[in-house]
PDB file of N, CA and C in Angstrom:
ATOM      1  N   MET A   1     -24.657 -61.208  -1.723  1.00  0.00           N
ATOM      2  CA  MET A   1     -24.761 -59.716  -1.966  1.00  0.00           C
ATOM      3  C   MET A   1     -24.720 -58.845  -0.889  1.00  0.00           C
ATOM      4  N   ARG A   2     -24.846 -59.262   0.377  1.00  0.00           N
ATOM      5  CA  ARG A   2     -25.070 -58.470   1.510  1.00  0.00           C
ATOM      6  C   ARG A   2     -23.247 -58.442   1.526  1.00  0.00           C
ATOM      7  N   HIS A   3     -22.446 -59.446   1.590  1.00  0.00           N
ATOM      8  CA  HIS A   3     -21.359 -59.583   1.658  1.00  0.00           C
ATOM      9  C   HIS A   3     -20.430 -58.424   0.715  1.00  0.00           C
ATOM     10  N   THR A   4     -21.223 -58.618  -0.641  1.00  0.00           N
ATOM     11  CA  THR A   4     -20.583 -57.731  -1.582  1.00  0.00           C
ATOM     12  C   THR A   4     -20.722 -56.255  -1.185  1.00  0.00           C
ATOM     13  N   ALA A   5     -21.739 -56.221  -0.644  1.00  0.00           N
ATOM     14  CA  ALA A   5     -22.111 -54.630  -0.661  1.00  0.00           C
ATOM     15  C   ALA A   5     -20.830 -54.156   0.612  1.00  0.00           C
ATOM     16  N   ARG A   6     -20.909 -55.234   1.406  1.00  0.00           N
ATOM     17  CA  ARG A   6     -19.887 -54.805   2.568  1.00  0.00           C
ATOM     18  C   ARG A   6     -18.553 -54.601   2.383  1.00  0.00           C
ATOM     19  N   LEU A   7     -18.312 -55.139   1.317  1.00  0.00           N
ATOM     20  CA  LEU A   7     -16.749 -55.022   0.982  1.00  0.00           C
ATOM     21  C   LEU A   7     -16.687 -53.810  -0.049  1.00  0.00           C
ATOM     22  N   SER A   8     -17.367 -53.514  -0.842  1.00  0.00           N
ATOM     23  CA  SER A   8     -17.525 -52.358  -1.588  1.00  0.00           C
ATOM     24  C   SER A   8     -17.478 -51.101  -0.657  1.00  0.00           C
ATOM     25  N   PHE A   9     -18.135 -51.135   0.200  1.00  0.00           N
ATOM     26  CA  PHE A   9     -18.006 -49.984   1.484  1.00  0.00           C
ATOM     27  C   PHE A   9     -16.798 -49.916   1.737  1.00  0.00           C
ATOM     28  N   ILE A  10     -16.062 -50.826   2.296  1.00  0.00           N
ATOM     29  CA  ILE A  10     -14.847 -50.957   2.901  1.00  0.00           C
ATOM     30  C   ILE A  10     -14.025 -50.875   2.046  1.00  0.00           C
ATOM     31  N   ALA A  11     -14.060 -51.141   0.787  1.00  0.00           N
ATOM     32  CA  ALA A  11     -12.936 -50.833  -0.178  1.00  0.00           C
ATOM     33  C   ALA A  11     -13.052 -48.978  -0.637  1.00  0.00           C
ATOM     34  N   ALA A  12     -14.538 -48.645  -0.697  1.00  0.00           N
ATOM     35  CA  ALA A  12     -14.603 -47.296  -0.940  1.00  0.00           C
ATOM     36  C   ALA A  12     -13.864 -46.360   0.258  1.00  0.00           C
ATOM     37  N   PHE A  13     -14.089 -46.703   1.123  1.00  0.00           N
ATOM     38  CA  PHE A  13     -13.529 -46.184   2.666  1.00  0.00           C
ATOM     39  C   PHE A  13     -12.168 -46.052   2.639  1.00  0.00           C
ATOM     40  N   ALA A  14     -11.328 -47.250   1.962  1.00  0.00           N
ATOM     41  CA  ALA A  14      -9.926 -47.292   2.382  1.00  0.00           C
ATOM     42  C   ALA A  14      -9.637 -46.430   1.423  1.00  0.00           C
ATOM     43  N   VAL A  15     -10.241 -46.329   0.038  1.00  0.00           N
ATOM     44  CA  VAL A  15      -9.429 -45.641  -1.175  1.00  0.00           C
ATOM     45  C   VAL A  15      -9.433 -43.985  -0.439  1.00  0.00           C
ATOM     46  N   LEU A  16     -10.637 -43.509   0.113  1.00  0.00           N
ATOM     47  CA  LEU A  16     -10.880 -42.143   0.617  1.00  0.00           C
ATOM     48  C   LEU A  16     -10.036 -42.135   1.896  1.00  0.00           C
ATOM     49  N   ALA A  17      -9.895 -42.923   2.830  1.00  0.00           N
ATOM     50  CA  ALA A  17      -8.719 -42.663   3.659  1.00  0.00           C
ATOM     51  C   ALA A  17      -7.426 -42.272   3.340  1.00  0.00           C
ATOM     52  N   MET A  18      -6.662 -43.022   2.081  1.00  0.00           N
ATOM     53  CA  MET A  18      -5.568 -43.205   1.583  1.00  0.00           C
ATOM     54  C   MET A  18      -5.291 -41.587   0.984  1.00  0.00           C
ATOM     55  N   HIS A  19      -6.324 -41.307   0.055  1.00  0.00           N
ATOM     56  CA  HIS A  19      -6.510 -39.949  -0.594  1.00  0.00           C
ATOM     57  C   HIS A  19      -6.273 -39.142   0.679  1.00  0.00           C
ATOM     58  N   GLY A  20      -6.736 -38.717   1.705  1.00  0.00           N
ATOM     59  CA  GLY A  20      -6.708 -38.146   2.791  1.00  0.00           C
ATOM     60  C   GLY A  20      -5.681 -37.986   3.380  1.00  0.00           C
ATOM     61  N   ALA A  21      -4.967 -38.559   3.464  1.00  0.00           N
ATOM     62  CA  ALA A  21      -3.313 -39.134   4.323  1.00  0.00           C
ATOM     63  C   ALA A  21      -2.634 -38.482   3.345  1.00  0.00           C
ATOM     64  N   GLY A  22      -2.595 -38.639   1.921  1.00  0.00           N
ATOM     65  CA  GLY A  22      -1.923 -38.349   1.251  1.00  0.00           C
ATOM     66  C   GLY A  22      -1.649 -37.022   0.477  1.00  0.00           C
ATOM     67  N   ALA A  23      -2.668 -36.109   0.843  1.00  0.00           N
ATOM     68  CA  ALA A  23      -2.849 -35.083   0.480  1.00  0.00           C
ATOM     69  C   ALA A  23      -2.385 -34.107   1.094  1.00  0.00           C
ATOM     70  N   GLN A  24      -1.492 -33.213   0.343  1.00  0.00           N
ATOM     71  CA  GLN A  24      -0.509 -32.147   0.759  1.00  0.00           C
ATOM     72  C   GLN A  24      -1.036 -30.772   0.290  1.00  0.00           C
ATOM     73  N   GLU A  25      -0.833 -29.875   1.352  1.00  0.00           N
ATOM     74  CA  GLU A  25      -0.879 -28.403   0.368  1.00  0.00           C
ATOM     75  C   GLU A  25       0.132 -28.126  -0.064  1.00  0.00           C
ATOM     76  N   ARG A  26       0.075 -27.625  -1.256  1.00  0.00           N
ATOM     77  CA  ARG A  26       1.012 -27.419  -2.483  1.00  0.00           C
ATOM     78  C   ARG A  26       1.501 -25.993  -1.991  1.00  0.00           C
ATOM     79  N   PHE A  27       2.512 -25.028  -1.516  1.00  0.00           N
ATOM     80  CA  PHE A  27       2.781 -23.958  -1.249  1.00  0.00           C
ATOM     81  C   PHE A  27       2.615 -23.403  -2.505  1.00  0.00           C
ATOM     82  N   GLU A  28       3.907 -23.656  -3.601  1.00  0.00           N
ATOM     83  CA  GLU A  28       3.674 -23.204  -4.760  1.00  0.00           C
ATOM     84  C   GLU A  28       2.603 -22.787  -5.815  1.00  0.00           C
ATOM     85  N   ASP A  29       1.454 -23.367  -5.127  1.00  0.00           N
ATOM     86  CA  ASP A  29       0.249 -23.065  -5.690  1.00  0.00           C
ATOM     87  C   ASP A  29      -0.613 -21.421  -5.191  1.00  0.00           C
ATOM     88  N   TRP A  30      -0.179 -21.326  -4.296  1.00  0.00           N
ATOM     89  CA  TRP A  30      -0.251 -19.929  -3.699  1.00  0.00           C
ATOM     90  C   TRP A  30      -0.254 -18.734  -4.577  1.00  0.00           C
ATOM     91  N   PRO A  31      -0.937 -18.081  -4.392  1.00  0.00           N
ATOM     92  CA  PRO A  31      -0.722 -16.753  -5.323  1.00  0.00           C
ATOM     93  C   PRO A  31       0.287 -15.725  -4.731  1.00  0.00           C
ATOM     94  N   PRO A  32       1.133 -15.337  -5.488  1.00  0.00           N
ATOM     95  CA  PRO A  32       2.304 -14.514  -5.075  1.00  0.00           C
ATOM     96  C   PRO A  32       1.195 -13.343  -4.617  1.00  0.00           C
ATOM     97  N   LEU A  33       2.755 -12.847  -3.550  1.00  0.00           N
ATOM     98  CA  LEU A  33       2.096 -11.488  -2.898  1.00  0.00           C
ATOM     99  C   LEU A  33       1.759 -10.716  -3.469  1.00  0.00           C
ATOM    100  N   THR A  34       0.960  -9.569  -3.225  1.00  0.00           N
ATOM    101  CA  THR A  34       1.139  -8.142  -4.000  1.00  0.00           C
ATOM    102  C   THR A  34       1.053  -7.106  -2.940  1.00  0.00           C
ATOM    103  N   ASN A  35       1.385  -5.877  -3.463  1.00  0.00           N
ATOM    104  CA  ASN A  35       1.483  -4.983  -2.806  1.00  0.00           C
ATOM    105  C   ASN A  35       0.461  -3.925  -2.915  1.00  0.00           C
ATOM    106  N   PRO A  36      -0.464  -3.565  -2.653  1.00  0.00           N
ATOM    107  CA  PRO A  36      -0.909  -3.901  -1.266  1.00  0.00           C
ATOM    108  C   PRO A  36      -1.615  -5.276  -1.747  1.00  0.00           C
ATOM    109  N   PHE A  37      -1.913  -5.628  -0.104  1.00  0.00           N
ATOM    110  CA  PHE A  37      -3.288  -6.992  -0.533  1.00  0.00           C
ATOM    111  C   PHE A  37      -3.985  -6.901   0.725  1.00  0.00           C
ATOM    112  N   PRO A  38      -5.429  -7.150   0.584  1.00  0.00           N
ATOM    113  CA  PRO A  38      -6.454  -7.082   1.805  1.00  0.00           C
ATOM    114  C   PRO A  38      -5.878  -7.896   3.000  1.00  0.00           C
ATOM    115  N   SER A  39      -6.199  -6.921   4.199  1.00  0.00           N
ATOM    116  CA  SER A  39      -5.963  -7.816   5.329  1.00  0.00           C
ATOM    117  C   SER A  39      -7.085  -9.120   5.901  1.00  0.00           C
ATOM    118  N   THR A  40      -6.335 -10.216   6.763  1.00  0.00           N
ATOM    119  CA  THR A  40      -7.364 -11.189   6.917  1.00  0.00           C
ATOM    120  C   THR A  40      -7.932 -10.819   7.921  1.00  0.00           C
ATOM    121  N   GLY A  41      -7.846  -9.553   8.713  1.00  0.00           N
ATOM    122  CA  GLY A  41      -8.502  -9.000   9.702  1.00  0.00           C
ATOM    123  C   GLY A  41     -10.005  -8.288   8.990  1.00  0.00           C
ATOM    124  N   GLY A  42     -10.025  -7.943   7.712  1.00  0.00           N
ATOM    125  CA  GLY A  42     -11.234  -7.311   6.981  1.00  0.00           C
ATOM    126  C   GLY A  42     -11.321  -6.164   7.056  1.00  0.00           C
ATOM    127  N   GLY A  43     -12.484  -5.236   6.929  1.00  0.00           N
ATOM    128  CA  GLY A  43     -12.903  -4.171   7.350  1.00  0.00           C
ATOM    129  C   GLY A  43     -12.062  -3.005   6.026  1.00  0.00           C
ATOM    130  N   GLY A  44     -12.239  -3.658   5.266  1.00  0.00           N
ATOM    131  CA  GLY A  44     -11.281  -2.861   3.900  1.00  0.00           C
ATOM    132  C   GLY A  44      -9.821  -2.431   4.051  1.00  0.00           C
ATOM    133  N   ILE A  45      -9.218  -2.801   5.514  1.00  0.00           N
ATOM    134  CA  ILE A  45      -7.679  -2.571   5.540  1.00  0.00           C
ATOM    135  C   ILE A  45      -6.929  -3.358   4.230  1.00  0.00           C
ATOM    136  N   MET A  46      -6.041  -2.120   3.762  1.00  0.00           N
ATOM    137  CA  MET A  46      -4.972  -3.242   3.122  1.00  0.00           C
ATOM    138  C   MET A  46      -3.553  -3.080   3.848  1.00  0.00           C
ATOM    139  N   ILE A  47      -2.612  -4.275   3.535  1.00  0.00           N
ATOM    140  CA  ILE A  47      -1.599  -4.212   3.692  1.00  0.00           C
ATOM    141  C   ILE A  47      -0.574  -3.700   2.921  1.00  0.00           C
ATOM    142  N   HIS A  48       0.461  -2.765   3.201  1.00  0.00           N
ATOM    143  CA  HIS A  48       1.958  -2.294   2.198  1.00  0.00           C
ATOM    144  C   HIS A  48       2.753  -2.643   3.135  1.00  0.00           C
ATOM    145  N   ASP A  49       3.885  -2.830   1.900  1.00  0.00           N
ATOM    146  CA  ASP A  49       5.412  -2.934   2.178  1.00  0.00           C
ATOM    147  C   ASP A  49       5.447  -4.122   3.119  1.00  0.00           C
ATOM    148  N   TYR A  50       4.936  -5.415   2.620  1.00  0.00           N
ATOM    149  CA  TYR A  50       5.033  -6.602   3.076  1.00  0.00           C
ATOM    150  C   TYR A  50       5.925  -7.588   2.908  1.00  0.00           C
ATOM    151  N   ASP A  51       7.341  -7.544   3.207  1.00  0.00           N
ATOM    152  CA  ASP A  51       8.171  -7.929   2.296  1.00  0.00           C
ATOM    153  C   ASP A  51       9.003  -9.088   3.653  1.00  0.00           C
ATOM    154  N   PRO A  52       8.579 -10.162   4.416  1.00  0.00           N
ATOM    155  CA  PRO A  52       8.935 -10.981   4.867  1.00  0.00           C
ATOM    156  C   PRO A  52      10.574 -11.621   4.701  1.00  0.00           C
ATOM    157  N   VAL A  53      11.600 -11.723   5.354  1.00  0.00           N
ATOM    158  CA  VAL A  53      12.654 -11.952   5.201  1.00  0.00           C
ATOM    159  C   VAL A  53      13.156 -13.080   6.202  1.00  0.00           C
ATOM    160  N   ALA A  54      13.523 -14.222   5.828  1.00  0.00           N
ATOM    161  CA  ALA A  54      13.584 -15.627   6.750  1.00  0.00           C
ATOM    162  C   ALA A  54      15.290 -15.511   7.220  1.00  0.00           C
ATOM    163  N   VAL A  55      15.210 -15.307   8.741  1.00  0.00           N
ATOM    164  CA  VAL A  55      16.891 -15.707   9.086  1.00  0.00           C
ATOM    165  C   VAL A  55      16.394 -16.056  10.340  1.00  0.00           C
ATOM    166  N   GLY A  56      17.383 -17.077  10.507  1.00  0.00           N
ATOM    167  CA  GLY A  56      17.908 -17.607  11.912  1.00  0.00           C
ATOM    168  C   GLY A  56      16.213 -18.178  12.263  1.00  0.00           C
ATOM    169  N   GLY A  57      15.782 -19.447  11.549  1.00  0.00           N
ATOM    170  CA  GLY A  57      14.159 -19.570  12.189  1.00  0.00           C
ATOM    171  C   GLY A  57      13.215 -18.762  12.204  1.00  0.00           C
ATOM    172  N   LYS A  58      13.276 -17.863  12.126  1.00  0.00           N
ATOM    173  CA  LYS A  58      12.160 -16.559  11.828  1.00  0.00           C
ATOM    174  C   LYS A  58      11.841 -15.810  10.790  1.00  0.00           C
ATOM    175  N   CYS A  59      10.624 -15.137  10.011  1.00  0.00           N
ATOM    176  CA  CYS A  59      10.741 -14.710   9.343  1.00  0.00           C
ATOM    177  C   CYS A  59       9.970 -13.467   9.521  1.00  0.00           C
ATOM    178  N   SER A  60      10.278 -12.219   9.734  1.00  0.00           N
ATOM    179  CA  SER A  60       9.947 -10.989   9.962  1.00  0.00           C
ATOM    180  C   SER A  60       9.851  -9.758   8.722  1.00  0.00           C
ATOM    181  N   THR A  61       9.251  -9.132   9.129  1.00  0.00           N
ATOM    182  CA  THR A  61       9.101  -7.590   8.271  1.00  0.00           C
ATOM    183  C   THR A  61       8.510  -6.581   8.828  1.00  0.00           C
ATOM    184  N   ARG A  62       8.464  -5.543   8.510  1.00  0.00           N
ATOM    185  CA  ARG A  62       7.774  -4.445   9.223  1.00  0.00           C
ATOM    186  C   ARG A  62       7.054  -3.971   7.822  1.00  0.00           C
ATOM    187  N   PHE A  63       5.291  -3.336   8.419  1.00  0.00           N
ATOM    188  CA  PHE A  63       4.558  -3.442   7.626  1.00  0.00           C
ATOM    189  C   PHE A  63       3.353  -2.249   7.928  1.00  0.00           C
ATOM    190  N   ARG A  64       2.752  -1.434   6.597  1.00  0.00           N
ATOM    191  CA  ARG A  64       1.366  -0.666   7.387  1.00  0.00           C
ATOM    192  C   ARG A  64       0.305  -1.112   6.996  1.00  0.00           C
ATOM    193  N   ALA A  65      -0.458  -0.908   7.748  1.00  0.00           N
ATOM    194  CA  ALA A  65      -1.902  -1.139   7.562  1.00  0.00           C
ATOM    195  C   ALA A  65      -2.773  -0.166   7.645  1.00  0.00           C
ATOM    196  N   VAL A  66      -3.164  -0.199   6.290  1.00  0.00           N
ATOM    197  CA  VAL A  66      -4.107   1.304   6.070  1.00  0.00           C
ATOM    198  C   VAL A  66      -5.601   0.963   5.788  1.00  0.00           C
ATOM    199  N   GLU A  67      -6.106   1.928   6.255  1.00  0.00           N
ATOM    200  CA  GLU A  67      -7.907   1.988   6.381  1.00  0.00           C
ATOM    201  C   GLU A  67      -8.205   2.483   5.126  1.00  0.00           C
ATOM    202  N   PRO A  68      -9.759   2.673   4.877  1.00  0.00           N
ATOM    203  CA  PRO A  68     -10.223   2.984   3.959  1.00  0.00           C
ATOM    204  C   PRO A  68     -10.000   4.496   3.602  1.00  0.00           C
ATOM    205  N   ASP A  69     -10.093   5.176   5.036  1.00  0.00           N
ATOM    206  CA  ASP A  69     -10.289   6.570   5.012  1.00  0.00           C
ATOM    207  C   ASP A  69      -8.336   6.928   5.180  1.00  0.00           C
ATOM    208  N   GLY A  70      -7.555   6.215   4.691  1.00  0.00           N
ATOM    209  CA  GLY A  70      -6.130   6.826   4.930  1.00  0.00           C
ATOM    210  C   GLY A  70      -5.431   6.815   6.153  1.00  0.00           C
ATOM    211  N   THR A  71      -6.132   6.133   7.123  1.00  0.00           N
ATOM    212  CA  THR A  71      -5.310   6.376   8.361  1.00  0.00           C
ATOM    213  C   THR A  71      -4.185   5.021   8.564  1.00  0.00           C
ATOM    214  N   THR A  72      -3.206   5.498   8.903  1.00  0.00           N
ATOM    215  CA  THR A  72      -2.158   4.564   8.734  1.00  0.00           C
ATOM    216  C   THR A  72      -1.445   3.884  10.082  1.00  0.00           C
ATOM    217  N   TYR A  73      -1.209   2.712  10.189  1.00  0.00           N
ATOM    218  CA  TYR A  73      -0.460   1.786  11.379  1.00  0.00           C
ATOM    219  C   TYR A  73       0.439   1.380  11.016  1.00  0.00           C
ATOM    220  N   HIS A  74       1.629   2.013  11.635  1.00  0.00           N
ATOM    221  CA  HIS A  74       2.908   1.000  11.246  1.00  0.00           C
ATOM    222  C   HIS A  74       2.885  -0.375  12.134  1.00  0.00           C
ATOM    223  N   ASN A  75       3.277  -1.189  11.779  1.00  0.00           N
ATOM    224  CA  ASN A  75       3.360  -2.805  12.470  1.00  0.00           C
ATOM    225  C   ASN A  75       4.799  -3.665  12.224  1.00  0.00           C
ATOM    226  N   LEU A  76       4.860  -4.528  12.837  1.00  0.00           N
ATOM    227  CA  LEU A  76       5.943  -5.380  12.907  1.00  0.00           C
ATOM    228  C   LEU A  76       5.175  -6.724  12.987  1.00  0.00           C
ATOM    229  N   ILE A  77       5.810  -7.589  11.960  1.00  0.00           N
ATOM    230  CA  ILE A  77       5.305  -9.322  12.036  1.00  0.00           C
ATOM    231  C   ILE A  77       6.665 -10.105  12.354  1.00  0.00           C
ATOM    232  N   GLU A  78       6.190 -11.659  12.871  1.00  0.00           N
ATOM    233  CA  GLU A  78       7.148 -12.528  12.906  1.00  0.00           C
ATOM    234  C   GLU A  78       6.459 -13.653  13.075  1.00  0.00           C
ATOM    235  N   PHE A  79       7.160 -14.454  12.217  1.00  0.00           N
ATOM    236  CA  PHE A  79       6.502 -15.661  12.112  1.00  0.00           C
ATOM    237  C   PHE A  79       7.557 -16.783  12.576  1.00  0.00           C
ATOM    238  N   GLU A  80       7.052 -18.064  12.580  1.00  0.00           N
ATOM    239  CA  GLU A  80       8.208 -18.702  12.578  1.00  0.00           C
ATOM    240  C   GLU A  80       8.332 -19.504  11.544  1.00  0.00           C
ATOM    241  N   ALA A  81       9.499 -20.247  11.194  1.00  0.00           N
ATOM    242  CA  ALA A  81      10.239 -20.186   9.687  1.00  0.00           C
ATOM    243  C   ALA A  81      10.254 -21.916   9.832  1.00  0.00           C
ATOM    244  N   THR A  82      10.026 -22.483   8.775  1.00  0.00           N
ATOM    245  CA  THR A  82      10.272 -23.840   8.745  1.00  0.00           C
ATOM    246  C   THR A  82      10.769 -24.226   7.138  1.00  0.00           C
ATOM    247  N   GLU A  83      11.770 -25.368   7.176  1.00  0.00           N
ATOM    248  CA  GLU A  83      12.012 -25.424   5.905  1.00  0.00           C
ATOM    249  C   GLU A  83      10.576 -26.575   5.220  1.00  0.00           C
ATOM    250  N   ALA A  84      10.113 -26.434   3.958  1.00  0.00           N
ATOM    251  CA  ALA A  84       9.199 -26.928   3.504  1.00  0.00           C
ATOM    252  C   ALA A  84       9.299 -26.772   2.006  1.00  0.00           C
ATOM    253  N   GLN A  85       9.109 -28.184   1.506  1.00  0.00           N
ATOM    254  CA  GLN A  85       8.958 -28.129  -0.306  1.00  0.00           C
ATOM    255  C   GLN A  85       9.726 -27.223  -0.970  1.00  0.00           C
ATOM    256  N   GLY A  86      11.129 -27.409  -0.567  1.00  0.00           N
ATOM    257  CA  GLY A  86      12.262 -26.515  -0.768  1.00  0.00           C
ATOM    258  C   GLY A  86      12.209 -25.020  -0.897  1.00  0.00           C
ATOM    259  N   GLY A  87      11.787 -24.755   0.180  1.00  0.00           N
ATOM    260  CA  GLY A  87      11.098 -23.081   0.462  1.00  0.00           C
ATOM    261  C   GLY A  87      11.428 -22.961   1.796  1.00  0.00           C
ATOM    262  N   VAL A  88      10.961 -21.686   2.473  1.00  0.00           N
ATOM    263  CA  VAL A  88      10.583 -21.652   3.856  1.00  0.00           C
ATOM    264  C   VAL A  88       8.906 -21.257   4.110  1.00  0.00           C
ATOM    265  N   LEU A  89       8.406 -21.957   5.066  1.00  0.00           N
ATOM    266  CA  LEU A  89       6.961 -21.696   5.571  1.00  0.00           C
ATOM    267  C   LEU A  89       7.000 -20.870   6.842  1.00  0.00           C
ATOM    268  N   CYS A  90       6.435 -19.710   6.442  1.00  0.00           N
ATOM    269  CA  CYS A  90       6.230 -18.708   7.774  1.00  0.00           C
ATOM    270  C   CYS A  90       4.683 -18.530   8.200  1.00  0.00           C
ATOM    271  N   SER A  91       4.580 -19.492   9.554  1.00  0.00           N
ATOM    272  CA  SER A  91       3.362 -19.496  10.281  1.00  0.00           C
ATOM    273  C   SER A  91       3.433 -18.950  11.571  1.00  0.00           C
ATOM    274  N   ASN A  92       2.345 -19.067  11.980  1.00  0.00           N
ATOM    275  CA  ASN A  92       2.269 -18.550  13.543  1.00  0.00           C
ATOM    276  C   ASN A  92       2.573 -17.185  13.679  1.00  0.00           C
ATOM    277  N   GLY A  93       2.140 -16.075  12.771  1.00  0.00           N
ATOM    278  CA  GLY A  93       2.693 -14.941  12.696  1.00  0.00           C
ATOM    279  C   GLY A  93       1.937 -14.439  13.678  1.00  0.00           C
ATOM    280  N   ARG A  94       2.866 -13.454  14.613  1.00  0.00           N
ATOM    281  CA  ARG A  94       2.362 -12.858  15.845  1.00  0.00           C
ATOM    282  C   ARG A  94       2.974 -11.215  15.338  1.00  0.00           C
ATOM    283  N   TRP A  95       2.021 -10.281  15.356  1.00  0.00           N
ATOM    284  CA  TRP A  95       2.307  -9.048  15.080  1.00  0.00           C
ATOM    285  C   TRP A  95       2.183  -7.913  16.272  1.00  0.00           C
ATOM    286  N   ARG A  96       2.703  -6.736  15.785  1.00  0.00           N
ATOM    287  CA  ARG A  96       2.698  -5.945  17.366  1.00  0.00           C
ATOM    288  C   ARG A  96       2.931  -4.481  16.177  1.00  0.00           C
ATOM    289  N   SER A  97       2.014  -3.137  17.065  1.00  0.00           N
ATOM    290  CA  SER A  97       2.147  -1.912  16.156  1.00  0.00           C
ATOM    291  C   SER A  97       3.740  -1.401  16.917  1.00  0.00           C
ATOM    292  N   ALA A  98       4.263  -0.223  15.695  1.00  0.00           N
ATOM    293  CA  ALA A  98       5.493  -0.434  16.091  1.00  0.00           C
ATOM    294  C   ALA A  98       5.745   0.406  17.549  1.00  0.00           C
ATOM    295  N   ASP A  99       4.708   1.143  17.685  1.00  0.00           N
ATOM    296  CA  ASP A  99       4.774   2.047  19.322  1.00  0.00           C
ATOM    297  C   ASP A  99       4.610   0.627  20.588  1.00  0.00           C
ATOM    298  N   GLY A 100       4.539  -0.332  19.997  1.00  0.00           N
ATOM    299  CA  GLY A 100       4.021  -1.320  21.350  1.00  0.00           C
ATOM    300  C   GLY A 100       2.629  -1.034  21.786  1.00  0.00           C
ATOM    301  N   SER A 101       1.572  -0.684  21.082  1.00  0.00           N
ATOM    302  CA  SER A 101       0.700  -0.486  22.348  1.00  0.00           C
ATOM    303  C   SER A 101      -0.776  -1.442  21.980  1.00  0.00           C
ATOM    304  N   THR A 102      -0.634  -2.381  20.446  1.00  0.00           N
ATOM    305  CA  THR A 102      -1.354  -3.261  19.916  1.00  0.00           C
ATOM    306  C   THR A 102      -0.527  -4.299  19.404  1.00  0.00           C
ATOM    307  N   SER A 103      -1.281  -5.572  19.668  1.00  0.00           N
ATOM    308  CA  SER A 103      -0.799  -6.784  19.242  1.00  0.00           C
ATOM    309  C   SER A 103      -1.268  -7.690  18.592  1.00  0.00           C
ATOM    310  N   GLY A 104      -1.136  -9.023  18.169  1.00  0.00           N
ATOM    311  CA  GLY A 104      -2.357 -10.255  17.951  1.00  0.00           C
ATOM    312  C   GLY A 104      -1.438 -11.288  16.936  1.00  0.00           C
ATOM    313  N   THR A 105      -2.445 -11.883  16.690  1.00  0.00           N
ATOM    314  CA  THR A 105      -1.926 -13.180  15.910  1.00  0.00           C
ATOM    315  C   THR A 105      -2.726 -12.824  14.412  1.00  0.00           C
ATOM    316  N   THR A 106      -2.076 -14.069  13.511  1.00  0.00           N
ATOM    317  CA  THR A 106      -2.940 -14.128  12.157  1.00  0.00           C
ATOM    318  C   THR A 106      -2.527 -15.432  11.563  1.00  0.00           C
ATOM    319  N   PRO A 107      -3.956 -15.611  11.082  1.00  0.00           N
ATOM    320  CA  PRO A 107      -3.837 -17.325  10.348  1.00  0.00           C
ATOM    321  C   PRO A 107      -2.964 -17.169   9.145  1.00  0.00           C
ATOM    322  N   PHE A 108      -2.523 -15.800   8.346  1.00  0.00           N
ATOM    323  CA  PHE A 108      -2.117 -15.647   7.429  1.00  0.00           C
ATOM    324  C   PHE A 108      -0.703 -16.391   7.485  1.00  0.00           C
ATOM    325  N   ARG A 109      -0.497 -16.942   6.567  1.00  0.00           N
ATOM    326  CA  ARG A 109       0.869 -17.926   5.752  1.00  0.00           C
ATOM    327  C   ARG A 109       1.647 -16.805   4.717  1.00  0.00           C
ATOM    328  N   VAL A 110       3.240 -17.185   4.831  1.00  0.00           N
ATOM    329  CA  VAL A 110       3.728 -17.007   3.797  1.00  0.00           C
ATOM    330  C   VAL A 110       4.589 -17.967   3.149  1.00  0.00           C
ATOM    331  N   PHE A 111       4.773 -18.215   2.179  1.00  0.00           N
ATOM    332  CA  PHE A 111       5.803 -19.055   1.202  1.00  0.00           C
ATOM    333  C   PHE A 111       7.008 -18.821   0.963  1.00  0.00           C
ATOM    334  N   ILE A 112       8.193 -18.523   0.420  1.00  0.00           N
ATOM    335  CA  ILE A 112       9.331 -17.997   0.213  1.00  0.00           C
ATOM    336  C   ILE A 112      10.191 -19.301  -0.426  1.00  0.00           C
ATOM    337  N   LYS A 113      10.074 -18.978  -1.873  1.00  0.00           N
ATOM    338  CA  LYS A 113      11.372 -19.972  -2.537  1.00  0.00           C
ATOM    339  C   LYS A 113      11.411 -19.247  -3.876  1.00  0.00           C
ATOM    340  N   ASP A 114      12.996 -19.339  -4.012  1.00  0.00           N
ATOM    341  CA  ASP A 114      13.581 -18.516  -4.836  1.00  0.00           C
ATOM    342  C   ASP A 114      13.011 -17.264  -5.251  1.00  0.00           C
ATOM    343  N   GLY A 115      12.945 -16.535  -4.157  1.00  0.00           N
ATOM    344  CA  GLY A 115      12.856 -15.181  -4.192  1.00  0.00           C
ATOM    345  C   GLY A 115      11.669 -14.954  -4.367  1.00  0.00           C
ATOM    346  N   VAL A 116      10.484 -15.766  -4.500  1.00  0.00           N
ATOM    347  CA  VAL A 116       9.192 -15.315  -4.488  1.00  0.00           C
ATOM    348  C   VAL A 116       8.403 -15.546  -3.350  1.00  0.00           C
ATOM    349  N   ARG A 117       7.524 -14.640  -2.899  1.00  0.00           N
ATOM    350  CA  ARG A 117       6.684 -14.741  -1.341  1.00  0.00           C
ATOM    351  C   ARG A 117       5.270 -14.804  -2.488  1.00  0.00           C
ATOM    352  N   ARG A 118       5.018 -15.759  -1.665  1.00  0.00           N
ATOM    353  CA  ARG A 118       3.221 -16.408  -1.848  1.00  0.00           C
ATOM    354  C   ARG A 118       2.250 -16.177  -0.575  1.00  0.00           C
ATOM    355  N   GLY A 119       1.276 -15.560  -0.417  1.00  0.00           N
ATOM    356  CA  GLY A 119       0.429 -15.699   0.897  1.00  0.00           C
ATOM    357  C   GLY A 119      -0.642 -16.612   0.445  1.00  0.00           C
ATOM    358  N   SER A 120      -0.547 -17.403   1.730  1.00  0.00           N
ATOM    359  CA  SER A 120      -1.721 -18.274   2.037  1.00  0.00           C
ATOM    360  C   SER A 120      -3.375 -17.657   1.409  1.00  0.00           C
ATOM    361  N   PRO A 121      -3.807 -18.674   0.637  1.00  0.00           N
ATOM    362  CA  PRO A 121      -5.053 -18.491   0.052  1.00  0.00           C
ATOM    363  C   PRO A 121      -6.120 -17.982   1.038  1.00  0.00           C
ATOM    364  N   GLU A 122      -6.506 -18.860   2.368  1.00  0.00           N
ATOM    365  CA  GLU A 122      -7.585 -18.623   3.338  1.00  0.00           C
ATOM    366  C   GLU A 122      -7.246 -17.137   4.267  1.00  0.00           C
TER     367      GLU A 122
END
């Protein structure tokens, strides 16, 4: 009986391990980018005119970050572009203000395929 329980545990663990190893994020399941969309930084800031284009191993775009009171910041972002699932995954984004006074990174990712831009759900 004890041996059977041990084998059942090992089998269940193996199934879970195989399922986790085979799981892959499906970028085409991400929602299409809308204009505007909420900033990953929160605070009610909305991102406008976000239209990344992939060229030469990079994805880049100019965009506006607009606060709830209407204050607008002009920015640029550049991502690393990699081929993935028949499209281009833009990740490891680095943004900076147009005047160069501020900069940062973002966890946000973009997937571009067949002219459709999708934003990461997290």
